[in-house]
Amino acid sequence: MSLTLYAHPFAAYCWKALIALYENATPFTYRLVEDAAGWAELASLWPISKFPLLRDGDATIVESSIIVEYLMRRYPGTTQMIPLNDDAALATRFMDRFFDNYVMTPMQKLVSDRMRNEGERDANGVADATKLLDVAYGWLERRVARDAWLCDNTFSLAECSAAPALFYADWVHPLGARFPGVVDYRRRVLARPSVARVVDEARPYRKLFPGGAPDRD
C-alpha cells in the first residue's frame, strides 16, 4: 500500500476523505498543499487543481465522495462507509449529496461573500443561500434521531459529509435553538474520534476564516 492524500487541514471537502482514513486507521502519507510547490504538484496530477486528491501507486482518485468509496472498496476497515445493502447504500449516498449540495454549497456562498469588498457583496445570493440553509436545517431536523447515525444506524459516508458541512455552516448561519435535533446530531458527529482529530488539526488555521472564526468548537 502506498497512499498519498493531497489536502489541507482547513478545507471542508478534505475533511470527508480524512475522516474516512482516520476512522479505519488506514496508513497514508499526508501531502499538505499550501505553498507554490504543493499547488504545482497537485496541478500536475489534476489540471482542475482541486483537493482532496488521492494517489494509490500510479492511480489518481479525485473528488471526496469517490475517494471515500475507493477506500471502502480497496482498503476496507472495520467501519463500513457505505452499507452493503443496496437500499441502505442509496440512502447513504443520498445523504452525502444532501450535505454537499444543500448545506456545503450555500455555506460556501456565505463564506465567499465575506471575502468580497463591501461594494461587491451579493445580497440576493446571500439571501438565497441563507434560505436554502434554513430549509436544509428544517428537513434535517425531521430526519435526525437522537443517539443514532443517519443511515443504517452506522457511522458512514453520511457522517463524513455531515461533519464539515454542519461544522462550518453553523459558523456562518448558526443553528441556534431553532433546530435542537440538528444541534445534538452535530455535537455527536464532532465528538467522534476521527472527526475530533480533523477538527484539532484545523485549529491552527482558524485565523484564515473570513470574518473570523467563532470562539467555540
Protein backbone atom coordinates (compact mmCIF):
# COMPACT_ATOMS: atom_id res chain seq x y z
CA MET A 1 0.00 0.00 0.00
CA SER A 2 1.29 3.44 -0.93
CA LEU A 3 -1.44 6.02 -0.39
CA THR A 4 -0.82 9.75 -0.55
CA LEU A 5 -3.56 12.30 0.15
CA TYR A 6 -3.14 15.82 -1.19
CA ALA A 7 -5.15 18.02 1.13
CA HIS A 8 -5.28 20.93 3.56
CA PRO A 9 -6.48 20.64 7.18
CA PHE A 10 -8.84 23.62 6.96
CA ALA A 11 -10.51 22.66 3.66
CA ALA A 12 -14.02 21.32 4.19
CA TYR A 13 -14.05 18.71 1.44
CA CYS A 14 -10.68 17.37 2.58
CA TRP A 15 -12.27 16.54 5.91
CA LYS A 16 -14.51 13.96 4.27
CA ALA A 17 -11.56 11.93 2.99
CA LEU A 18 -9.51 12.44 6.14
CA ILE A 19 -12.32 11.24 8.40
CA ALA A 20 -12.66 8.07 6.34
CA LEU A 21 -8.91 7.44 6.53
CA TYR A 22 -8.73 8.10 10.26
CA GLU A 23 -11.89 6.13 11.01
CA ASN A 24 -10.32 2.94 9.69
CA ALA A 25 -6.72 3.78 10.68
CA THR A 26 -5.71 3.48 7.02
CA PRO A 27 -1.99 4.25 6.58
CA PHE A 28 -1.28 7.14 4.21
CA THR A 29 1.11 9.99 3.54
CA TYR A 30 -0.36 13.44 4.10
CA ARG A 31 0.80 15.82 1.35
CA LEU A 32 -0.05 19.26 2.68
CA VAL A 33 -0.96 21.63 -0.15
CA GLU A 34 -0.39 25.22 0.93
CA ASP A 35 2.66 26.57 -0.93
CA ALA A 36 3.55 27.05 -4.59
CA ALA A 37 5.34 23.71 -4.81
CA GLY A 38 2.35 21.87 -3.37
CA TRP A 39 -0.09 23.53 -5.75
CA ALA A 40 2.18 22.84 -8.72
CA GLU A 41 2.40 19.18 -7.75
CA LEU A 42 -1.37 18.98 -7.39
CA ALA A 43 -1.90 20.63 -10.78
CA SER A 44 0.48 18.17 -12.41
CA LEU A 45 -1.78 15.34 -11.23
CA TRP A 46 -5.15 17.02 -11.78
CA PRO A 47 -5.41 20.13 -14.01
CA ILE A 48 -8.55 21.27 -12.15
CA SER A 49 -6.23 21.74 -9.13
CA LYS A 50 -8.85 20.83 -6.54
CA PHE A 51 -8.26 18.79 -3.45
CA PRO A 52 -8.58 16.28 -1.88
CA LEU A 53 -6.73 14.06 -4.31
CA LEU A 54 -5.63 10.52 -3.52
CA ARG A 55 -2.71 8.74 -5.13
CA ASP A 56 -2.58 4.97 -4.88
CA GLY A 57 0.61 3.95 -6.63
CA ASP A 58 0.08 5.18 -10.20
CA ALA A 59 -3.69 5.64 -9.76
CA THR A 60 -5.15 9.10 -9.19
CA ILE A 61 -8.53 9.41 -7.48
CA VAL A 62 -10.29 12.78 -7.21
CA GLU A 63 -13.48 14.09 -5.60
CA SER A 64 -14.04 13.47 -1.91
CA SER A 65 -17.03 11.11 -2.18
CA ILE A 66 -15.27 8.99 -4.80
CA ILE A 67 -12.15 8.83 -2.62
CA VAL A 68 -14.20 7.50 0.31
CA GLU A 69 -15.84 4.88 -1.88
CA TYR A 70 -12.48 3.91 -3.37
CA LEU A 71 -11.05 3.42 0.10
CA MET A 72 -14.02 1.29 1.07
CA ARG A 73 -13.56 -0.95 -1.96
CA ARG A 74 -9.77 -1.21 -1.98
CA TYR A 75 -8.85 -0.73 1.68
CA PRO A 76 -11.89 -1.72 3.77
CA GLY A 77 -11.74 -1.42 7.51
CA THR A 78 -13.98 -2.08 10.47
CA THR A 79 -16.21 0.90 9.66
CA GLN A 80 -18.28 0.22 6.54
CA MET A 81 -18.56 3.67 4.99
CA ILE A 82 -21.25 2.58 2.52
CA PRO A 83 -23.59 -0.24 3.59
CA LEU A 84 -23.60 -3.45 1.58
CA ASN A 85 -27.40 -3.46 1.41
CA ASP A 86 -28.44 -1.70 -1.81
CA ASP A 87 -31.25 0.37 -0.30
CA ALA A 88 -29.11 1.46 2.64
CA ALA A 89 -26.25 2.27 0.27
CA LEU A 90 -28.51 4.51 -1.82
CA ALA A 91 -29.74 6.26 1.31
CA THR A 92 -26.14 6.86 2.40
CA ARG A 93 -25.12 8.24 -0.99
CA PHE A 94 -28.21 10.48 -0.95
CA MET A 95 -27.24 11.94 2.42
CA ASP A 96 -23.75 12.58 1.08
CA ARG A 97 -25.24 14.55 -1.81
CA PHE A 98 -27.66 16.32 0.55
CA PHE A 99 -24.86 17.69 2.71
CA ASP A 100 -22.68 18.65 -0.26
CA ASN A 101 -25.42 20.31 -2.31
CA TYR A 102 -27.77 21.81 0.26
CA VAL A 103 -25.52 22.58 3.24
CA MET A 104 -21.94 22.83 1.98
CA THR A 105 -22.78 24.80 -1.18
CA PRO A 106 -24.83 27.58 0.46
CA MET A 107 -22.35 27.68 3.34
CA GLN A 108 -19.54 28.32 0.88
CA LYS A 109 -21.61 31.06 -0.73
CA LEU A 110 -21.84 32.84 2.62
CA VAL A 111 -18.12 32.38 3.25
CA SER A 112 -17.10 33.64 -0.18
CA ASP A 113 -19.33 36.70 0.18
CA ARG A 114 -17.44 37.63 3.35
CA MET A 115 -14.28 37.77 1.24
CA ARG A 116 -15.69 40.41 -1.12
CA ASN A 117 -15.24 44.13 -0.80
CA GLU A 118 -18.24 45.92 0.66
CA GLY A 119 -19.36 47.25 -2.71
CA GLU A 120 -19.13 43.83 -4.32
CA ARG A 121 -21.32 41.93 -1.88
CA ASP A 122 -24.10 39.78 -3.36
CA ALA A 123 -27.09 40.49 -1.13
CA ASN A 124 -29.50 38.43 -3.22
CA GLY A 125 -27.12 35.47 -3.36
CA VAL A 126 -26.62 35.62 0.40
CA ALA A 127 -30.37 35.74 0.97
CA ASP A 128 -30.89 32.72 -1.29
CA ALA A 129 -28.09 30.78 0.43
CA THR A 130 -29.46 31.59 3.88
CA LYS A 131 -32.94 30.50 2.85
CA LEU A 132 -31.61 27.21 1.45
CA LEU A 133 -29.71 26.53 4.66
CA ASP A 134 -32.85 27.11 6.72
CA VAL A 135 -34.79 24.71 4.51
CA ALA A 136 -31.99 22.13 4.75
CA TYR A 137 -31.76 22.53 8.53
CA GLY A 138 -35.51 22.09 8.80
CA TRP A 139 -35.54 18.96 6.66
CA LEU A 140 -32.62 17.51 8.61
CA GLU A 141 -34.33 18.31 11.92
CA ARG A 142 -37.12 15.93 10.91
CA ARG A 143 -34.60 13.33 9.70
CA VAL A 144 -32.18 13.04 12.60
CA ALA A 145 -32.78 10.75 15.55
CA ARG A 146 -31.13 11.06 18.93
CA ASP A 147 -28.32 8.61 19.69
CA ALA A 148 -28.31 7.32 16.13
CA TRP A 149 -26.35 7.86 12.93
CA LEU A 150 -28.18 8.85 9.80
CA CYS A 151 -28.03 5.68 7.73
CA ASP A 152 -28.44 2.10 8.86
CA ASN A 153 -27.64 3.25 12.42
CA THR A 154 -23.94 3.13 11.47
CA PHE A 155 -21.26 5.82 11.18
CA SER A 156 -20.80 6.14 7.43
CA LEU A 157 -20.11 8.35 4.43
CA ALA A 158 -23.14 10.36 5.57
CA GLU A 159 -21.28 11.47 8.69
CA CYS A 160 -18.06 12.08 6.73
CA SER A 161 -20.09 14.59 4.71
CA ALA A 162 -22.12 15.95 7.60
CA ALA A 163 -19.10 16.80 9.76
CA PRO A 164 -17.51 19.57 7.65
CA ALA A 165 -20.83 20.79 6.25
CA LEU A 166 -22.50 21.33 9.62
CA PHE A 167 -19.29 22.43 11.32
CA TYR A 168 -18.76 25.40 9.01
CA ALA A 169 -22.43 26.11 8.23
CA ASP A 170 -23.13 26.65 11.92
CA TRP A 171 -20.30 29.19 11.97
CA VAL A 172 -21.83 31.38 9.24
CA HIS A 173 -25.55 30.68 9.81
CA PRO A 174 -25.92 29.36 13.37
CA LEU A 175 -28.40 26.62 14.14
CA GLY A 176 -29.20 28.25 17.47
CA ALA A 177 -32.23 26.97 19.36
CA ARG A 178 -34.36 26.52 16.25
CA PHE A 179 -33.06 23.08 15.35
CA PRO A 180 -32.21 21.20 18.58
CA GLY A 181 -32.10 17.81 16.86
CA VAL A 182 -29.52 19.03 14.35
CA VAL A 183 -27.52 20.69 17.12
CA ASP A 184 -27.45 17.40 19.01
CA TYR A 185 -26.52 15.43 15.89
CA ARG A 186 -23.73 17.90 15.08
CA ARG A 187 -22.39 17.50 18.62
CA ARG A 188 -22.38 13.71 18.31
CA VAL A 189 -20.61 13.81 14.97
CA LEU A 190 -17.93 16.22 16.19
CA ALA A 191 -17.30 14.01 19.23
CA ARG A 192 -16.39 11.02 17.06
CA PRO A 193 -12.61 10.50 17.49
CA SER A 194 -11.91 10.53 13.74
CA VAL A 195 -13.82 13.80 13.38
CA ALA A 196 -12.36 15.36 16.52
CA ARG A 197 -8.93 14.69 15.04
CA VAL A 198 -9.61 16.67 11.85
CA VAL A 199 -11.13 19.49 13.91
CA ASP A 200 -7.99 19.64 16.06
CA GLU A 201 -5.67 19.52 13.03
CA ALA A 202 -7.52 22.51 11.56
CA ARG A 203 -7.29 24.69 14.69
CA PRO A 204 -4.00 26.41 13.77
CA TYR A 205 -5.65 27.71 10.59
CA ARG A 206 -8.76 29.27 12.14
CA LYS A 207 -7.29 32.73 11.71
CA LEU A 208 -7.83 32.23 7.96
CA PHE A 209 -11.62 32.03 8.28
CA PRO A 210 -13.17 35.08 6.58
CA GLY A 211 -14.70 37.43 9.12
CA GLY A 212 -13.11 35.49 11.97
CA ALA A 213 -13.92 32.09 13.44
CA PRO A 214 -16.24 31.93 16.45
CA ASP A 215 -14.65 31.12 19.78
CA ARG A 216 -16.16 27.66 20.11
CA ASP A 217 -15.99 24.10 18.78
